Amino acid sequence: MSQGLGLLGGKLEAAADRLGGGKVDEEGEDWPIYKGSETELTKSSDQRVALIKDYAANFMTMTDAKAKELGETAMGIEKQRMKLEHDCFEKIASEISPLIEKP
């Protein structure tokens, strides 16, 4: 299980790279935005780990209802993560990019 959690950490780093454009400049303007998103991504990852543990605990006695519940929870977590990544992109783009008109 710890190997699987390590893979999850790798996915988190990849998502963080996407949010920060590959590298995050800790001195740059985007750092506070990135750090806020990183905190939320960590919460989302904790939810995903809890879901994996729930799946493992119910694997041998899985019912259709439980499988549906787990699937819906997984889709909810993914939807939440995508919204977070989109919101972070929008915030960075509107506050930092000289190419995007600011309101």
PDB file of N, CA and C in Angstrom:
ATOM      1  N   MET A   1       0.828  -1.192   0.000  1.00  0.00           N
ATOM      2  CA  MET A   1       0.000   0.000   0.000  1.00  0.00           C
ATOM      3  C   MET A   1       0.871   1.254   0.000  1.00  0.00           C
ATOM      4  N   SER A   2       2.015   1.234   0.729  1.00  0.00           N
ATOM      5  CA  SER A   2       2.850   2.427   0.773  1.00  0.00           C
ATOM      6  C   SER A   2       3.442   2.744  -0.600  1.00  0.00           C
ATOM      7  N   GLN A   3       3.675   1.724  -1.424  1.00  0.00           N
ATOM      8  CA  GLN A   3       4.160   1.977  -2.779  1.00  0.00           C
ATOM      9  C   GLN A   3       3.097   2.731  -3.578  1.00  0.00           C
ATOM     10  N   GLY A   4       1.840   2.340  -3.409  1.00  0.00           N
ATOM     11  CA  GLY A   4       0.737   3.020  -4.080  1.00  0.00           C
ATOM     12  C   GLY A   4       0.627   4.464  -3.630  1.00  0.00           C
ATOM     13  N   LEU A   5       0.853   4.717  -2.351  1.00  0.00           N
ATOM     14  CA  LEU A   5       0.806   6.087  -1.851  1.00  0.00           C
ATOM     15  C   LEU A   5       1.970   6.898  -2.405  1.00  0.00           C
ATOM     16  N   GLY A   6       3.114   6.247  -2.614  1.00  0.00           N
ATOM     17  CA  GLY A   6       4.245   6.929  -3.242  1.00  0.00           C
ATOM     18  C   GLY A   6       3.918   7.338  -4.661  1.00  0.00           C
ATOM     19  N   LEU A   7       3.229   6.466  -5.387  1.00  0.00           N
ATOM     20  CA  LEU A   7       2.799   6.800  -6.743  1.00  0.00           C
ATOM     21  C   LEU A   7       1.829   7.969  -6.722  1.00  0.00           C
ATOM     22  N   LEU A   8       0.962   7.990  -5.720  1.00  0.00           N
ATOM     23  CA  LEU A   8       0.022   9.098  -5.582  1.00  0.00           C
ATOM     24  C   LEU A   8       0.784  10.401  -5.367  1.00  0.00           C
ATOM     25  N   GLY A   9       1.828  10.354  -4.551  1.00  0.00           N
ATOM     26  CA  GLY A   9       2.650  11.546  -4.339  1.00  0.00           C
ATOM     27  C   GLY A   9       3.270  12.032  -5.635  1.00  0.00           C
ATOM     28  N   GLY A  10       3.694  11.095  -6.485  1.00  0.00           N
ATOM     29  CA  GLY A  10       4.258  11.457  -7.784  1.00  0.00           C
ATOM     30  C   GLY A  10       3.230  12.140  -8.659  1.00  0.00           C
ATOM     31  N   LYS A  11       1.991  11.656  -8.594  1.00  0.00           N
ATOM     32  CA  LYS A  11       0.921  12.284  -9.364  1.00  0.00           C
ATOM     33  C   LYS A  11       0.661  13.690  -8.845  1.00  0.00           C
ATOM     34  N   LEU A  12       0.764  13.871  -7.544  1.00  0.00           N
ATOM     35  CA  LEU A  12       0.577  15.208  -6.971  1.00  0.00           C
ATOM     36  C   LEU A  12       1.651  16.169  -7.459  1.00  0.00           C
ATOM     37  N   GLU A  13       2.883  15.691  -7.487  1.00  0.00           N
ATOM     38  CA  GLU A  13       3.963  16.542  -7.979  1.00  0.00           C
ATOM     39  C   GLU A  13       3.752  16.900  -9.446  1.00  0.00           C
ATOM     40  N   ALA A  14       3.278  15.948 -10.238  1.00  0.00           N
ATOM     41  CA  ALA A  14       3.005  16.227 -11.648  1.00  0.00           C
ATOM     42  C   ALA A  14       1.896  17.265 -11.779  1.00  0.00           C
ATOM     43  N   ALA A  15       0.863  17.138 -10.951  1.00  0.00           N
ATOM     44  CA  ALA A  15      -0.232  18.120 -10.992  1.00  0.00           C
ATOM     45  C   ALA A  15       0.280  19.489 -10.567  1.00  0.00           C
ATOM     46  N   ALA A  16       1.145  19.521  -9.579  1.00  0.00           N
ATOM     47  CA  ALA A  16       1.706  20.791  -9.130  1.00  0.00           C
ATOM     48  C   ALA A  16       2.546  21.424 -10.240  1.00  0.00           C
ATOM     49  N   ASP A  17       3.288  20.592 -10.967  1.00  0.00           N
ATOM     50  CA  ASP A  17       4.064  21.110 -12.094  1.00  0.00           C
ATOM     51  C   ASP A  17       3.153  21.710 -13.158  1.00  0.00           C
ATOM     52  N   ARG A  18       2.025  21.040 -13.426  1.00  0.00           N
ATOM     53  CA  ARG A  18       1.081  21.575 -14.418  1.00  0.00           C
ATOM     54  C   ARG A  18       0.531  22.916 -13.952  1.00  0.00           C
ATOM     55  N   LEU A  19       0.206  22.992 -12.679  1.00  0.00           N
ATOM     56  CA  LEU A  19      -0.352  24.246 -12.158  1.00  0.00           C
ATOM     57  C   LEU A  19       0.673  25.372 -12.209  1.00  0.00           C
ATOM     58  N   GLY A  20       1.921  25.046 -11.972  1.00  0.00           N
ATOM     59  CA  GLY A  20       2.946  26.075 -11.919  1.00  0.00           C
ATOM     60  C   GLY A  20       3.718  26.244 -13.213  1.00  0.00           C
ATOM     61  N   GLY A  21       3.307  25.617 -14.283  1.00  0.00           N
ATOM     62  CA  GLY A  21       3.977  25.764 -15.561  1.00  0.00           C
ATOM     63  C   GLY A  21       5.292  25.012 -15.634  1.00  0.00           C
ATOM     64  N   GLY A  22       5.478  23.978 -14.850  1.00  0.00           N
ATOM     65  CA  GLY A  22       6.681  23.169 -14.921  1.00  0.00           C
ATOM     66  C   GLY A  22       7.604  23.400 -13.752  1.00  0.00           C
ATOM     67  N   LYS A  23       7.852  24.652 -13.419  1.00  0.00           N
ATOM     68  CA  LYS A  23       8.698  24.969 -12.276  1.00  0.00           C
ATOM     69  C   LYS A  23       8.050  26.122 -11.527  1.00  0.00           C
ATOM     70  N   VAL A  24       8.134  26.059 -10.233  1.00  0.00           N
ATOM     71  CA  VAL A  24       7.549  27.113  -9.415  1.00  0.00           C
ATOM     72  C   VAL A  24       8.672  27.981  -8.882  1.00  0.00           C
ATOM     73  N   ASP A  25       8.566  29.258  -9.124  1.00  0.00           N
ATOM     74  CA  ASP A  25       9.535  30.226  -8.630  1.00  0.00           C
ATOM     75  C   ASP A  25       9.062  30.705  -7.263  1.00  0.00           C
ATOM     76  N   GLU A  26       9.746  30.266  -6.209  1.00  0.00           N
ATOM     77  CA  GLU A  26       9.305  30.611  -4.862  1.00  0.00           C
ATOM     78  C   GLU A  26       9.403  32.099  -4.581  1.00  0.00           C
ATOM     79  N   GLU A  27      10.107  32.831  -5.392  1.00  0.00           N
ATOM     80  CA  GLU A  27      10.204  34.276  -5.240  1.00  0.00           C
ATOM     81  C   GLU A  27       9.221  34.992  -6.150  1.00  0.00           C
ATOM     82  N   GLY A  28       8.595  34.267  -7.059  1.00  0.00           N
ATOM     83  CA  GLY A  28       7.733  34.862  -8.070  1.00  0.00           C
ATOM     84  C   GLY A  28       6.357  35.234  -7.548  1.00  0.00           C
ATOM     85  N   GLU A  29       5.631  35.963  -8.404  1.00  0.00           N
ATOM     86  CA  GLU A  29       4.294  36.432  -8.059  1.00  0.00           C
ATOM     87  C   GLU A  29       3.310  35.298  -7.878  1.00  0.00           C
ATOM     88  N   ASP A  30       3.547  34.178  -8.543  1.00  0.00           N
ATOM     89  CA  ASP A  30       2.583  33.086  -8.496  1.00  0.00           C
ATOM     90  C   ASP A  30       2.704  32.214  -7.250  1.00  0.00           C
ATOM     91  N   TRP A  31       3.754  32.404  -6.464  1.00  0.00           N
ATOM     92  CA  TRP A  31       3.994  31.527  -5.325  1.00  0.00           C
ATOM     93  C   TRP A  31       2.840  31.504  -4.325  1.00  0.00           C
ATOM     94  N   PRO A  32       2.298  32.636  -3.877  1.00  0.00           N
ATOM     95  CA  PRO A  32       1.174  32.569  -2.925  1.00  0.00           C
ATOM     96  C   PRO A  32      -0.039  31.852  -3.512  1.00  0.00           C
ATOM     97  N   ILE A  33      -0.302  32.042  -4.785  1.00  0.00           N
ATOM     98  CA  ILE A  33      -1.424  31.365  -5.439  1.00  0.00           C
ATOM     99  C   ILE A  33      -1.159  29.863  -5.472  1.00  0.00           C
ATOM    100  N   TYR A  34       0.049  29.503  -5.864  1.00  0.00           N
ATOM    101  CA  TYR A  34       0.426  28.096  -5.937  1.00  0.00           C
ATOM    102  C   TYR A  34       0.333  27.432  -4.568  1.00  0.00           C
ATOM    103  N   LYS A  35       0.854  28.076  -3.537  1.00  0.00           N
ATOM    104  CA  LYS A  35       0.846  27.499  -2.192  1.00  0.00           C
ATOM    105  C   LYS A  35      -0.581  27.260  -1.716  1.00  0.00           C
ATOM    106  N   GLY A  36      -1.486  28.194  -1.993  1.00  0.00           N
ATOM    107  CA  GLY A  36      -2.888  28.010  -1.629  1.00  0.00           C
ATOM    108  C   GLY A  36      -3.483  26.802  -2.322  1.00  0.00           C
ATOM    109  N   SER A  37      -3.160  26.629  -3.582  1.00  0.00           N
ATOM    110  CA  SER A  37      -3.663  25.481  -4.336  1.00  0.00           C
ATOM    111  C   SER A  37      -3.041  24.186  -3.837  1.00  0.00           C
ATOM    112  N   GLU A  38      -1.785  24.244  -3.469  1.00  0.00           N
ATOM    113  CA  GLU A  38      -1.105  23.046  -2.979  1.00  0.00           C
ATOM    114  C   GLU A  38      -1.780  22.525  -1.710  1.00  0.00           C
ATOM    115  N   THR A  39      -2.194  23.433  -0.847  1.00  0.00           N
ATOM    116  CA  THR A  39      -2.889  23.040   0.373  1.00  0.00           C
ATOM    117  C   THR A  39      -4.191  22.315   0.037  1.00  0.00           C
ATOM    118  N   GLU A  40      -4.939  22.863  -0.910  1.00  0.00           N
ATOM    119  CA  GLU A  40      -6.199  22.243  -1.318  1.00  0.00           C
ATOM    120  C   GLU A  40      -5.955  20.905  -2.024  1.00  0.00           C
ATOM    121  N   LEU A  41      -4.892  20.812  -2.829  1.00  0.00           N
ATOM    122  CA  LEU A  41      -4.561  19.539  -3.485  1.00  0.00           C
ATOM    123  C   LEU A  41      -4.221  18.465  -2.455  1.00  0.00           C
ATOM    124  N   THR A  42      -3.575  18.860  -1.384  1.00  0.00           N
ATOM    125  CA  THR A  42      -3.238  17.915  -0.319  1.00  0.00           C
ATOM    126  C   THR A  42      -4.512  17.376   0.324  1.00  0.00           C
ATOM    127  N   LYS A  43      -5.486  18.252   0.565  1.00  0.00           N
ATOM    128  CA  LYS A  43      -6.768  17.804   1.123  1.00  0.00           C
ATOM    129  C   LYS A  43      -7.438  16.811   0.175  1.00  0.00           C
ATOM    130  N   SER A  44      -7.406  17.119  -1.107  1.00  0.00           N
ATOM    131  CA  SER A  44      -7.999  16.237  -2.105  1.00  0.00           C
ATOM    132  C   SER A  44      -7.283  14.890  -2.124  1.00  0.00           C
ATOM    133  N   SER A  45      -5.983  14.910  -1.987  1.00  0.00           N
ATOM    134  CA  SER A  45      -5.208  13.665  -1.961  1.00  0.00           C
ATOM    135  C   SER A  45      -5.548  12.841  -0.731  1.00  0.00           C
ATOM    136  N   ASP A  46      -5.772  13.508   0.391  1.00  0.00           N
ATOM    137  CA  ASP A  46      -6.169  12.806   1.605  1.00  0.00           C
ATOM    138  C   ASP A  46      -7.520  12.107   1.395  1.00  0.00           C
ATOM    139  N   GLN A  47      -8.426  12.782   0.684  1.00  0.00           N
ATOM    140  CA  GLN A  47      -9.718  12.173   0.378  1.00  0.00           C
ATOM    141  C   GLN A  47      -9.533  10.939  -0.510  1.00  0.00           C
ATOM    142  N   ARG A  48      -8.627  11.041  -1.464  1.00  0.00           N
ATOM    143  CA  ARG A  48      -8.366   9.918  -2.366  1.00  0.00           C
ATOM    144  C   ARG A  48      -7.774   8.739  -1.609  1.00  0.00           C
ATOM    145  N   VAL A  49      -6.859   9.004  -0.685  1.00  0.00           N
ATOM    146  CA  VAL A  49      -6.267   7.934   0.127  1.00  0.00           C
ATOM    147  C   VAL A  49      -7.346   7.271   0.974  1.00  0.00           C
ATOM    148  N   ALA A  50      -8.237   8.061   1.562  1.00  0.00           N
ATOM    149  CA  ALA A  50      -9.336   7.506   2.362  1.00  0.00           C
ATOM    150  C   ALA A  50     -10.232   6.623   1.488  1.00  0.00           C
ATOM    151  N   LEU A  51     -10.467   7.048   0.264  1.00  0.00           N
ATOM    152  CA  LEU A  51     -11.279   6.263  -0.665  1.00  0.00           C
ATOM    153  C   LEU A  51     -10.607   4.924  -0.986  1.00  0.00           C
ATOM    154  N   ILE A  52      -9.309   4.958  -1.220  1.00  0.00           N
ATOM    155  CA  ILE A  52      -8.559   3.726  -1.513  1.00  0.00           C
ATOM    156  C   ILE A  52      -8.626   2.774  -0.318  1.00  0.00           C
ATOM    157  N   LYS A  53      -8.498   3.320   0.881  1.00  0.00           N
ATOM    158  CA  LYS A  53      -8.588   2.478   2.088  1.00  0.00           C
ATOM    159  C   LYS A  53      -9.987   1.883   2.231  1.00  0.00           C
ATOM    160  N   ASP A  54     -11.013   2.677   1.923  1.00  0.00           N
ATOM    161  CA  ASP A  54     -12.391   2.194   1.973  1.00  0.00           C
ATOM    162  C   ASP A  54     -12.585   1.060   0.969  1.00  0.00           C
ATOM    163  N   TYR A  55     -12.047   1.245  -0.236  1.00  0.00           N
ATOM    164  CA  TYR A  55     -12.119   0.204  -1.269  1.00  0.00           C
ATOM    165  C   TYR A  55     -11.441  -1.078  -0.784  1.00  0.00           C
ATOM    166  N   ALA A  56     -10.240  -0.933  -0.233  1.00  0.00           N
ATOM    167  CA  ALA A  56      -9.489  -2.105   0.230  1.00  0.00           C
ATOM    168  C   ALA A  56     -10.237  -2.823   1.356  1.00  0.00           C
ATOM    169  N   ALA A  57     -10.847  -2.064   2.247  1.00  0.00           N
ATOM    170  CA  ALA A  57     -11.565  -2.659   3.372  1.00  0.00           C
ATOM    171  C   ALA A  57     -12.806  -3.422   2.911  1.00  0.00           C
ATOM    172  N   ASN A  58     -13.374  -3.018   1.791  1.00  0.00           N
ATOM    173  CA  ASN A  58     -14.607  -3.635   1.309  1.00  0.00           C
ATOM    174  C   ASN A  58     -14.413  -4.557   0.112  1.00  0.00           C
ATOM    175  N   PHE A  59     -13.177  -4.756  -0.300  1.00  0.00           N
ATOM    176  CA  PHE A  59     -12.893  -5.500  -1.522  1.00  0.00           C
ATOM    177  C   PHE A  59     -13.515  -6.896  -1.541  1.00  0.00           C
ATOM    178  N   MET A  60     -13.346  -7.636  -0.479  1.00  0.00           N
ATOM    179  CA  MET A  60     -13.799  -9.032  -0.456  1.00  0.00           C
ATOM    180  C   MET A  60     -15.322  -9.154  -0.331  1.00  0.00           C
ATOM    181  N   THR A  61     -15.973  -8.115   0.147  1.00  0.00           N
ATOM    182  CA  THR A  61     -17.425  -8.183   0.349  1.00  0.00           C
ATOM    183  C   THR A  61     -18.152  -7.107  -0.453  1.00  0.00           C
ATOM    184  N   MET A  62     -17.543  -6.666  -1.531  1.00  0.00           N
ATOM    185  CA  MET A  62     -18.082  -5.562  -2.329  1.00  0.00           C
ATOM    186  C   MET A  62     -19.481  -5.884  -2.854  1.00  0.00           C
ATOM    187  N   THR A  63     -20.382  -4.943  -2.659  1.00  0.00           N
ATOM    188  CA  THR A  63     -21.731  -5.047  -3.210  1.00  0.00           C
ATOM    189  C   THR A  63     -21.858  -4.037  -4.349  1.00  0.00           C
ATOM    190  N   ASP A  64     -22.897  -4.182  -5.137  1.00  0.00           N
ATOM    191  CA  ASP A  64     -23.138  -3.208  -6.207  1.00  0.00           C
ATOM    192  C   ASP A  64     -23.330  -1.811  -5.631  1.00  0.00           C
ATOM    193  N   ALA A  65     -24.048  -1.718  -4.531  1.00  0.00           N
ATOM    194  CA  ALA A  65     -24.305  -0.420  -3.912  1.00  0.00           C
ATOM    195  C   ALA A  65     -23.006   0.237  -3.441  1.00  0.00           C
ATOM    196  N   LYS A  66     -22.126  -0.565  -2.817  1.00  0.00           N
ATOM    197  CA  LYS A  66     -20.848  -0.015  -2.331  1.00  0.00           C
ATOM    198  C   LYS A  66     -19.963   0.376  -3.502  1.00  0.00           C
ATOM    199  N   ALA A  67     -19.947  -0.439  -4.551  1.00  0.00           N
ATOM    200  CA  ALA A  67     -19.150  -0.119  -5.737  1.00  0.00           C
ATOM    201  C   ALA A  67     -19.633   1.203  -6.353  1.00  0.00           C
ATOM    202  N   LYS A  68     -20.934   1.375  -6.413  1.00  0.00           N
ATOM    203  CA  LYS A  68     -21.482   2.621  -6.950  1.00  0.00           C
ATOM    204  C   LYS A  68     -21.098   3.804  -6.068  1.00  0.00           C
ATOM    205  N   GLU A  69     -21.205   3.634  -4.764  1.00  0.00           N
ATOM    206  CA  GLU A  69     -20.829   4.693  -3.823  1.00  0.00           C
ATOM    207  C   GLU A  69     -19.362   5.088  -4.008  1.00  0.00           C
ATOM    208  N   LEU A  70     -18.492   4.083  -4.097  1.00  0.00           N
ATOM    209  CA  LEU A  70     -17.063   4.349  -4.270  1.00  0.00           C
ATOM    210  C   LEU A  70     -16.791   5.045  -5.606  1.00  0.00           C
ATOM    211  N   GLY A  71     -17.463   4.599  -6.652  1.00  0.00           N
ATOM    212  CA  GLY A  71     -17.289   5.228  -7.965  1.00  0.00           C
ATOM    213  C   GLY A  71     -17.751   6.669  -7.967  1.00  0.00           C
ATOM    214  N   GLU A  72     -18.896   6.927  -7.357  1.00  0.00           N
ATOM    215  CA  GLU A  72     -19.404   8.297  -7.294  1.00  0.00           C
ATOM    216  C   GLU A  72     -18.486   9.191  -6.456  1.00  0.00           C
ATOM    217  N   THR A  73     -17.964   8.636  -5.378  1.00  0.00           N
ATOM    218  CA  THR A  73     -17.022   9.396  -4.550  1.00  0.00           C
ATOM    219  C   THR A  73     -15.756   9.714  -5.335  1.00  0.00           C
ATOM    220  N   ALA A  74     -15.238   8.732  -6.069  1.00  0.00           N
ATOM    221  CA  ALA A  74     -14.037   8.945  -6.880  1.00  0.00           C
ATOM    222  C   ALA A  74     -14.272  10.039  -7.921  1.00  0.00           C
ATOM    223  N   MET A  75     -15.420  10.009  -8.575  1.00  0.00           N
ATOM    224  CA  MET A  75     -15.732  11.033  -9.581  1.00  0.00           C
ATOM    225  C   MET A  75     -15.890  12.409  -8.937  1.00  0.00           C
ATOM    226  N   GLY A  76     -16.447  12.450  -7.738  1.00  0.00           N
ATOM    227  CA  GLY A  76     -16.582  13.713  -7.016  1.00  0.00           C
ATOM    228  C   GLY A  76     -15.231  14.307  -6.653  1.00  0.00           C
ATOM    229  N   ILE A  77     -14.325  13.452  -6.205  1.00  0.00           N
ATOM    230  CA  ILE A  77     -12.976  13.915  -5.865  1.00  0.00           C
ATOM    231  C   ILE A  77     -12.282  14.449  -7.115  1.00  0.00           C
ATOM    232  N   GLU A  78     -12.396  13.729  -8.219  1.00  0.00           N
ATOM    233  CA  GLU A  78     -11.756  14.161  -9.472  1.00  0.00           C
ATOM    234  C   GLU A  78     -12.351  15.475  -9.963  1.00  0.00           C
ATOM    235  N   LYS A  79     -13.653  15.609  -9.866  1.00  0.00           N
ATOM    236  CA  LYS A  79     -14.327  16.847 -10.276  1.00  0.00           C
ATOM    237  C   LYS A  79     -13.830  18.020  -9.430  1.00  0.00           C
ATOM    238  N   GLN A  80     -13.706  17.784  -8.136  1.00  0.00           N
ATOM    239  CA  GLN A  80     -13.214  18.815  -7.220  1.00  0.00           C
ATOM    240  C   GLN A  80     -11.773  19.218  -7.584  1.00  0.00           C
ATOM    241  N   ARG A  81     -10.929  18.229  -7.894  1.00  0.00           N
ATOM    242  CA  ARG A  81      -9.532  18.514  -8.266  1.00  0.00           C
ATOM    243  C   ARG A  81      -9.451  19.306  -9.566  1.00  0.00           C
ATOM    244  N   MET A  82     -10.278  18.928 -10.536  1.00  0.00           N
ATOM    245  CA  MET A  82     -10.269  19.654 -11.811  1.00  0.00           C
ATOM    246  C   MET A  82     -10.713  21.098 -11.621  1.00  0.00           C
ATOM    247  N   LYS A  83     -11.712  21.322 -10.779  1.00  0.00           N
ATOM    248  CA  LYS A  83     -12.162  22.682 -10.501  1.00  0.00           C
ATOM    249  C   LYS A  83     -11.051  23.474  -9.825  1.00  0.00           C
ATOM    250  N   LEU A  84     -10.365  22.850  -8.883  1.00  0.00           N
ATOM    251  CA  LEU A  84      -9.260  23.506  -8.193  1.00  0.00           C
ATOM    252  C   LEU A  84      -8.161  23.896  -9.183  1.00  0.00           C
ATOM    253  N   GLU A  85      -7.776  22.974 -10.064  1.00  0.00           N
ATOM    254  CA  GLU A  85      -6.742  23.275 -11.050  1.00  0.00           C
ATOM    255  C   GLU A  85      -7.196  24.388 -11.988  1.00  0.00           C
ATOM    256  N   HIS A  86      -8.445  24.367 -12.402  1.00  0.00           N
ATOM    257  CA  HIS A  86      -8.974  25.411 -13.279  1.00  0.00           C
ATOM    258  C   HIS A  86      -8.977  26.760 -12.565  1.00  0.00           C
ATOM    259  N   ASP A  87      -9.449  26.790 -11.324  1.00  0.00           N
ATOM    260  CA  ASP A  87      -9.481  28.038 -10.559  1.00  0.00           C
ATOM    261  C   ASP A  87      -8.076  28.604 -10.355  1.00  0.00           C
ATOM    262  N   CYS A  88      -7.119  27.726 -10.085  1.00  0.00           N
ATOM    263  CA  CYS A  88      -5.732  28.159  -9.903  1.00  0.00           C
ATOM    264  C   CYS A  88      -5.193  28.752 -11.202  1.00  0.00           C
ATOM    265  N   PHE A  89      -5.460  28.074 -12.312  1.00  0.00           N
ATOM    266  CA  PHE A  89      -5.020  28.583 -13.612  1.00  0.00           C
ATOM    267  C   PHE A  89      -5.612  29.964 -13.871  1.00  0.00           C
ATOM    268  N   GLU A  90      -6.900  30.095 -13.651  1.00  0.00           N
ATOM    269  CA  GLU A  90      -7.574  31.375 -13.888  1.00  0.00           C
ATOM    270  C   GLU A  90      -6.989  32.476 -13.010  1.00  0.00           C
ATOM    271  N   LYS A  91      -6.719  32.152 -11.770  1.00  0.00           N
ATOM    272  CA  LYS A  91      -6.176  33.146 -10.836  1.00  0.00           C
ATOM    273  C   LYS A  91      -4.770  33.575 -11.260  1.00  0.00           C
ATOM    274  N   ILE A  92      -3.930  32.602 -11.583  1.00  0.00           N
ATOM    275  CA  ILE A  92      -2.570  32.933 -12.021  1.00  0.00           C
ATOM    276  C   ILE A  92      -2.622  33.726 -13.321  1.00  0.00           C
ATOM    277  N   ALA A  93      -3.450  33.288 -14.259  1.00  0.00           N
ATOM    278  CA  ALA A  93      -3.539  33.962 -15.554  1.00  0.00           C
ATOM    279  C   ALA A  93      -4.017  35.403 -15.400  1.00  0.00           C
ATOM    280  N   SER A  94      -5.014  35.616 -14.565  1.00  0.00           N
ATOM    281  CA  SER A  94      -5.568  36.969 -14.447  1.00  0.00           C
ATOM    282  C   SER A  94      -4.700  37.891 -13.604  1.00  0.00           C
ATOM    283  N   GLU A  95      -3.962  37.351 -12.651  1.00  0.00           N
ATOM    284  CA  GLU A  95      -3.152  38.205 -11.778  1.00  0.00           C
ATOM    285  C   GLU A  95      -1.729  38.419 -12.278  1.00  0.00           C
ATOM    286  N   ILE A  96      -1.253  37.528 -13.124  1.00  0.00           N
ATOM    287  CA  ILE A  96       0.155  37.594 -13.508  1.00  0.00           C
ATOM    288  C   ILE A  96       0.365  37.823 -14.997  1.00  0.00           C
ATOM    289  N   SER A  97      -0.398  37.168 -15.840  1.00  0.00           N
ATOM    290  CA  SER A  97      -0.146  37.214 -17.272  1.00  0.00           C
ATOM    291  C   SER A  97      -0.386  38.599 -17.862  1.00  0.00           C
ATOM    292  N   PRO A  98       0.595  39.151 -18.557  1.00  0.00           N
ATOM    293  CA  PRO A  98       0.390  40.441 -19.229  1.00  0.00           C
ATOM    294  C   PRO A  98      -0.453  40.301 -20.490  1.00  0.00           C
ATOM    295  N   LEU A  99      -0.700  39.060 -20.918  1.00  0.00           N
ATOM    296  CA  LEU A  99      -1.472  38.838 -22.144  1.00  0.00           C
ATOM    297  C   LEU A  99      -2.966  38.762 -21.922  1.00  0.00           C
ATOM    298  N   ILE A 100      -3.368  38.603 -20.659  1.00  0.00           N
ATOM    299  CA  ILE A 100      -4.788  38.491 -20.349  1.00  0.00           C
ATOM    300  C   ILE A 100      -5.251  39.792 -19.716  1.00  0.00           C
ATOM    301  N   GLU A 101      -6.293  40.362 -20.285  1.00  0.00           N
ATOM    302  CA  GLU A 101      -6.808  41.632 -19.784  1.00  0.00           C
ATOM    303  C   GLU A 101      -7.353  41.467 -18.384  1.00  0.00           C
ATOM    304  N   LYS A 102      -6.956  42.373 -17.502  1.00  0.00           N
ATOM    305  CA  LYS A 102      -7.429  42.330 -16.124  1.00  0.00           C
ATOM    306  C   LYS A 102      -8.700  43.161 -15.998  1.00  0.00           C
ATOM    307  N   PRO A 103      -9.644  42.714 -15.183  1.00  0.00           N
ATOM    308  CA  PRO A 103     -10.899  43.464 -15.029  1.00  0.00           C
ATOM    309  C   PRO A 103     -10.697  44.812 -14.360  1.00  0.00           C
TER     310      PRO A 103
END
